[in-house]
Amino acid sequence: ILVKFFDFNFLERQTSLEVNRGKNQALSLVISKKAAAEYFGESQSYLGKMVTLEGKKFNVIGVVKTMQGPQGFNADVIIPYTNMNVNQLENENGFQGRFQAIFWQNKKR
């Protein structure tokens, strides 16, 4: 599980971190508190707020204190790979800048 592997300290999150996949639903992301405060300004809660990246709207489903993992991995935003357009990745013309893709599978309990 990604959260245990990276040991993120969630400050707030939806009860379920399931990725929205409906055609008319906003895409989802998890954001660091620092990035959320810079983007939205100080707030009691950032859940449900919308972030626009590359012209797409993303729903904040989780806020973490910091996002640091093994081998220097750090990020301000985590977007599920299923939310990204594969053509953007192949053509190198979408989300700009350096990024890493990490795959994980949720186990049903």
N, C-alpha and C. Protein backbone atom coordinates (compact mmCIF):
# COMPACT_ATOMS: atom_id res chain seq x y z
N ILE A 1 0.86 -1.17 0.00
CA ILE A 1 0.00 0.00 0.00
C ILE A 1 0.90 1.23 0.00
N LEU A 2 0.62 2.16 -0.87
CA LEU A 2 1.46 3.35 -1.01
C LEU A 2 1.62 4.10 0.30
N VAL A 3 0.54 4.27 1.03
CA VAL A 3 0.60 5.07 2.25
C VAL A 3 1.55 4.43 3.26
N LYS A 4 1.53 3.12 3.39
CA LYS A 4 2.44 2.46 4.32
C LYS A 4 3.86 2.44 3.79
N PHE A 5 4.01 2.24 2.50
CA PHE A 5 5.35 2.19 1.91
C PHE A 5 6.07 3.52 2.11
N PHE A 6 5.38 4.61 1.88
CA PHE A 6 5.98 5.92 2.04
C PHE A 6 5.73 6.52 3.41
N ASP A 7 4.85 5.92 4.17
CA ASP A 7 4.56 6.38 5.53
C ASP A 7 4.18 7.86 5.57
N PHE A 8 3.23 8.23 4.74
CA PHE A 8 2.74 9.61 4.73
C PHE A 8 1.95 9.89 5.99
N ASN A 9 2.09 11.08 6.51
CA ASN A 9 1.34 11.51 7.67
C ASN A 9 0.15 12.33 7.18
N PHE A 10 -1.00 11.67 7.00
CA PHE A 10 -2.19 12.37 6.52
C PHE A 10 -2.73 13.29 7.61
N LEU A 11 -2.91 14.55 7.26
CA LEU A 11 -3.54 15.51 8.16
C LEU A 11 -5.05 15.45 8.00
N GLU A 12 -5.49 15.17 6.78
CA GLU A 12 -6.90 14.96 6.50
C GLU A 12 -7.01 14.15 5.21
N ARG A 13 -8.07 13.36 5.13
CA ARG A 13 -8.29 12.56 3.93
C ARG A 13 -9.74 12.10 3.89
N GLN A 14 -10.17 11.77 2.69
CA GLN A 14 -11.50 11.20 2.56
C GLN A 14 -11.47 9.83 3.21
N THR A 15 -12.63 9.37 3.62
CA THR A 15 -12.71 8.05 4.25
C THR A 15 -12.10 6.99 3.35
N SER A 16 -12.36 7.10 2.07
CA SER A 16 -11.80 6.18 1.08
C SER A 16 -10.97 7.00 0.10
N LEU A 17 -9.77 6.54 -0.19
CA LEU A 17 -8.93 7.24 -1.15
C LEU A 17 -9.09 6.66 -2.55
N GLU A 18 -10.28 6.17 -2.85
CA GLU A 18 -10.54 5.62 -4.17
C GLU A 18 -10.44 6.71 -5.22
N VAL A 19 -9.92 6.37 -6.36
CA VAL A 19 -9.76 7.31 -7.47
C VAL A 19 -11.07 7.43 -8.22
N ASN A 20 -11.48 8.66 -8.49
CA ASN A 20 -12.69 8.88 -9.29
C ASN A 20 -12.41 8.49 -10.73
N ARG A 21 -13.32 7.69 -11.29
CA ARG A 21 -13.11 7.26 -12.67
C ARG A 21 -14.30 7.56 -13.55
N GLY A 22 -15.33 8.16 -13.01
CA GLY A 22 -16.50 8.48 -13.81
C GLY A 22 -16.19 9.53 -14.86
N LYS A 23 -16.89 9.48 -15.96
CA LYS A 23 -16.62 10.38 -17.08
C LYS A 23 -16.77 11.84 -16.68
N ASN A 24 -17.77 12.15 -15.86
CA ASN A 24 -18.04 13.54 -15.50
C ASN A 24 -17.48 13.93 -14.14
N GLN A 25 -16.75 13.04 -13.50
CA GLN A 25 -16.21 13.35 -12.18
C GLN A 25 -14.85 14.03 -12.32
N ALA A 26 -14.54 14.85 -11.34
CA ALA A 26 -13.22 15.49 -11.32
C ALA A 26 -12.17 14.42 -11.04
N LEU A 27 -10.98 14.64 -11.50
CA LEU A 27 -9.86 13.76 -11.20
C LEU A 27 -9.43 14.03 -9.76
N SER A 28 -8.64 13.12 -9.18
CA SER A 28 -8.27 13.23 -7.77
C SER A 28 -6.78 13.43 -7.59
N LEU A 29 -6.41 14.03 -6.45
CA LEU A 29 -5.00 14.14 -6.09
C LEU A 29 -4.86 14.27 -4.59
N VAL A 30 -3.64 14.00 -4.12
CA VAL A 30 -3.24 14.22 -2.73
C VAL A 30 -2.20 15.33 -2.77
N ILE A 31 -2.27 16.25 -1.83
CA ILE A 31 -1.41 17.44 -1.86
C ILE A 31 -0.76 17.64 -0.49
N SER A 32 0.44 18.21 -0.48
CA SER A 32 1.08 18.53 0.79
C SER A 32 0.42 19.78 1.38
N LYS A 33 0.47 19.90 2.70
CA LYS A 33 -0.13 21.07 3.35
C LYS A 33 0.54 22.35 2.87
N LYS A 34 1.85 22.32 2.68
CA LYS A 34 2.58 23.50 2.21
C LYS A 34 2.07 23.93 0.84
N ALA A 35 1.94 23.00 -0.09
CA ALA A 35 1.47 23.33 -1.44
C ALA A 35 0.02 23.80 -1.41
N ALA A 36 -0.80 23.17 -0.57
CA ALA A 36 -2.21 23.58 -0.46
C ALA A 36 -2.32 25.01 0.06
N ALA A 37 -1.52 25.35 1.08
CA ALA A 37 -1.56 26.70 1.63
C ALA A 37 -1.08 27.73 0.60
N GLU A 38 -0.08 27.36 -0.19
CA GLU A 38 0.40 28.28 -1.23
C GLU A 38 -0.65 28.47 -2.33
N TYR A 39 -1.35 27.40 -2.68
CA TYR A 39 -2.32 27.45 -3.78
C TYR A 39 -3.63 28.10 -3.36
N PHE A 40 -4.15 27.70 -2.18
CA PHE A 40 -5.46 28.16 -1.72
C PHE A 40 -5.40 29.26 -0.67
N GLY A 41 -4.27 29.44 0.00
CA GLY A 41 -4.20 30.29 1.17
C GLY A 41 -4.50 29.43 2.40
N GLU A 42 -4.28 29.98 3.58
CA GLU A 42 -4.51 29.22 4.81
C GLU A 42 -5.99 28.85 4.93
N SER A 43 -6.25 27.62 5.38
CA SER A 43 -7.62 27.13 5.50
C SER A 43 -7.68 26.04 6.57
N GLN A 44 -8.83 25.86 7.18
CA GLN A 44 -9.04 24.78 8.15
C GLN A 44 -9.02 23.43 7.45
N SER A 45 -9.56 23.37 6.23
CA SER A 45 -9.64 22.12 5.49
C SER A 45 -9.46 22.39 4.00
N TYR A 46 -8.78 21.46 3.34
CA TYR A 46 -8.57 21.58 1.90
C TYR A 46 -9.33 20.49 1.13
N LEU A 47 -9.92 19.53 1.84
CA LEU A 47 -10.64 18.44 1.18
C LEU A 47 -11.75 18.98 0.30
N GLY A 48 -11.86 18.42 -0.89
CA GLY A 48 -12.92 18.82 -1.80
C GLY A 48 -12.61 20.06 -2.61
N LYS A 49 -11.54 20.76 -2.28
CA LYS A 49 -11.17 21.94 -3.07
C LYS A 49 -10.62 21.48 -4.42
N MET A 50 -10.71 22.34 -5.40
CA MET A 50 -10.31 21.99 -6.76
C MET A 50 -8.99 22.66 -7.14
N VAL A 51 -8.09 21.88 -7.70
CA VAL A 51 -6.81 22.35 -8.21
C VAL A 51 -6.84 22.21 -9.73
N THR A 52 -6.40 23.23 -10.44
CA THR A 52 -6.34 23.14 -11.90
C THR A 52 -4.89 23.00 -12.34
N LEU A 53 -4.60 21.91 -13.04
CA LEU A 53 -3.26 21.63 -13.56
C LEU A 53 -3.39 21.31 -15.04
N GLU A 54 -2.63 22.00 -15.86
CA GLU A 54 -2.65 21.76 -17.31
C GLU A 54 -4.08 21.79 -17.86
N GLY A 55 -4.92 22.67 -17.31
CA GLY A 55 -6.28 22.83 -17.79
C GLY A 55 -7.26 21.78 -17.30
N LYS A 56 -6.82 20.87 -16.42
CA LYS A 56 -7.70 19.84 -15.88
C LYS A 56 -7.97 20.13 -14.41
N LYS A 57 -9.19 19.84 -13.96
CA LYS A 57 -9.56 20.06 -12.57
C LYS A 57 -9.35 18.77 -11.77
N PHE A 58 -8.73 18.93 -10.60
CA PHE A 58 -8.48 17.81 -9.70
C PHE A 58 -9.09 18.11 -8.34
N ASN A 59 -9.76 17.12 -7.77
CA ASN A 59 -10.38 17.21 -6.46
C ASN A 59 -9.36 16.77 -5.40
N VAL A 60 -9.16 17.57 -4.38
CA VAL A 60 -8.24 17.22 -3.29
C VAL A 60 -8.92 16.17 -2.42
N ILE A 61 -8.33 14.94 -2.37
CA ILE A 61 -8.90 13.86 -1.57
C ILE A 61 -8.04 13.56 -0.34
N GLY A 62 -6.88 14.21 -0.24
CA GLY A 62 -6.03 14.00 0.92
C GLY A 62 -5.00 15.11 1.05
N VAL A 63 -4.64 15.40 2.30
CA VAL A 63 -3.60 16.39 2.59
C VAL A 63 -2.61 15.73 3.54
N VAL A 64 -1.33 15.82 3.19
CA VAL A 64 -0.29 15.22 4.02
C VAL A 64 0.65 16.30 4.54
N LYS A 65 1.28 16.00 5.67
CA LYS A 65 2.22 16.96 6.26
C LYS A 65 3.37 17.21 5.30
N THR A 66 4.08 16.17 4.94
CA THR A 66 5.14 16.25 3.92
C THR A 66 5.09 14.95 3.13
N MET A 67 5.64 14.99 1.94
CA MET A 67 5.70 13.78 1.12
C MET A 67 7.16 13.47 0.85
N GLN A 68 7.74 12.70 1.74
CA GLN A 68 9.12 12.26 1.54
C GLN A 68 9.16 10.76 1.72
N GLY A 69 9.83 10.12 0.81
CA GLY A 69 9.93 8.67 0.84
C GLY A 69 11.36 8.23 0.69
N PRO A 70 11.54 6.97 0.35
CA PRO A 70 12.89 6.43 0.22
C PRO A 70 13.64 7.04 -0.96
N GLN A 71 14.93 7.02 -0.88
CA GLN A 71 15.83 7.44 -1.96
C GLN A 71 15.55 8.85 -2.46
N GLY A 72 15.22 9.76 -1.56
CA GLY A 72 15.05 11.15 -1.93
C GLY A 72 13.76 11.49 -2.63
N PHE A 73 12.81 10.55 -2.70
CA PHE A 73 11.52 10.86 -3.33
C PHE A 73 10.82 11.91 -2.49
N ASN A 74 10.42 12.99 -3.12
CA ASN A 74 9.58 13.98 -2.44
C ASN A 74 8.68 14.62 -3.48
N ALA A 75 7.56 15.11 -3.04
CA ALA A 75 6.58 15.69 -3.96
C ALA A 75 5.67 16.64 -3.21
N ASP A 76 5.05 17.54 -3.93
CA ASP A 76 4.03 18.40 -3.35
C ASP A 76 2.64 17.92 -3.73
N VAL A 77 2.55 17.15 -4.81
CA VAL A 77 1.27 16.65 -5.29
C VAL A 77 1.46 15.22 -5.79
N ILE A 78 0.52 14.35 -5.47
CA ILE A 78 0.51 13.00 -6.03
C ILE A 78 -0.79 12.84 -6.80
N ILE A 79 -0.64 12.50 -8.07
CA ILE A 79 -1.79 12.28 -8.95
C ILE A 79 -1.79 10.81 -9.33
N PRO A 80 -2.90 10.10 -9.11
CA PRO A 80 -2.95 8.71 -9.55
C PRO A 80 -2.66 8.60 -11.05
N TYR A 81 -1.87 7.61 -11.41
CA TYR A 81 -1.50 7.40 -12.81
C TYR A 81 -2.74 7.26 -13.68
N THR A 82 -3.80 6.67 -13.15
CA THR A 82 -5.03 6.48 -13.92
C THR A 82 -5.68 7.80 -14.28
N ASN A 83 -5.30 8.89 -13.64
CA ASN A 83 -5.83 10.22 -13.96
C ASN A 83 -5.06 10.90 -15.09
N MET A 84 -3.95 10.32 -15.49
CA MET A 84 -3.11 10.97 -16.49
C MET A 84 -3.42 10.40 -17.87
N ASN A 85 -3.30 11.24 -18.87
CA ASN A 85 -3.49 10.84 -20.25
C ASN A 85 -2.20 10.23 -20.77
N VAL A 86 -2.25 8.96 -21.18
CA VAL A 86 -1.05 8.26 -21.63
C VAL A 86 -0.40 8.98 -22.81
N ASN A 87 -1.18 9.58 -23.69
CA ASN A 87 -0.62 10.31 -24.83
C ASN A 87 0.25 11.47 -24.37
N GLN A 88 -0.13 12.11 -23.27
CA GLN A 88 0.69 13.21 -22.75
C GLN A 88 2.05 12.70 -22.31
N LEU A 89 2.08 11.51 -21.72
CA LEU A 89 3.34 10.96 -21.26
C LEU A 89 4.21 10.54 -22.44
N GLU A 90 3.60 9.91 -23.43
CA GLU A 90 4.36 9.42 -24.59
C GLU A 90 4.90 10.57 -25.43
N ASN A 91 4.12 11.62 -25.59
CA ASN A 91 4.52 12.75 -26.42
C ASN A 91 5.30 13.81 -25.66
N GLU A 92 5.46 13.61 -24.37
CA GLU A 92 6.18 14.55 -23.51
C GLU A 92 5.61 15.96 -23.59
N ASN A 93 4.30 16.07 -23.67
CA ASN A 93 3.70 17.41 -23.75
C ASN A 93 2.51 17.51 -22.83
N GLY A 94 2.63 17.21 -21.63
CA GLY A 94 1.53 17.35 -20.71
C GLY A 94 2.06 17.97 -19.45
N PHE A 95 1.98 17.25 -18.37
CA PHE A 95 2.49 17.74 -17.11
C PHE A 95 3.99 17.97 -17.28
N GLN A 96 4.39 19.20 -17.15
CA GLN A 96 5.78 19.57 -17.42
C GLN A 96 6.63 19.40 -16.16
N GLY A 97 7.88 19.15 -16.38
CA GLY A 97 8.80 19.01 -15.26
C GLY A 97 9.09 17.56 -14.95
N ARG A 98 9.98 17.35 -14.02
CA ARG A 98 10.39 16.01 -13.64
C ARG A 98 9.31 15.37 -12.78
N PHE A 99 9.02 14.12 -13.06
CA PHE A 99 8.06 13.41 -12.22
C PHE A 99 8.41 11.93 -12.20
N GLN A 100 7.85 11.22 -11.25
CA GLN A 100 8.03 9.78 -11.14
C GLN A 100 6.66 9.13 -11.14
N ALA A 101 6.57 7.98 -11.76
CA ALA A 101 5.33 7.20 -11.73
C ALA A 101 5.56 6.00 -10.82
N ILE A 102 4.66 5.81 -9.90
CA ILE A 102 4.74 4.69 -8.96
C ILE A 102 3.42 3.96 -9.03
N PHE A 103 3.48 2.65 -9.17
CA PHE A 103 2.27 1.85 -9.28
C PHE A 103 2.03 1.10 -7.97
N TRP A 104 0.79 1.05 -7.55
CA TRP A 104 0.44 0.27 -6.39
C TRP A 104 -0.95 -0.28 -6.58
N GLN A 105 -1.26 -1.32 -5.81
CA GLN A 105 -2.57 -1.95 -5.91
C GLN A 105 -3.18 -1.99 -4.53
N ASN A 106 -4.43 -1.59 -4.45
CA ASN A 106 -5.15 -1.67 -3.18
C ASN A 106 -5.65 -3.08 -2.99
N LYS A 107 -5.43 -3.63 -1.81
CA LYS A 107 -5.93 -4.97 -1.50
C LYS A 107 -7.31 -4.83 -0.88
N LYS A 108 -8.21 -5.71 -1.28
CA LYS A 108 -9.52 -5.74 -0.65
C LYS A 108 -9.41 -6.56 0.62
N ARG A 109 -9.95 -6.03 1.69
CA ARG A 109 -9.86 -6.73 2.98
C ARG A 109 -11.15 -7.42 3.31
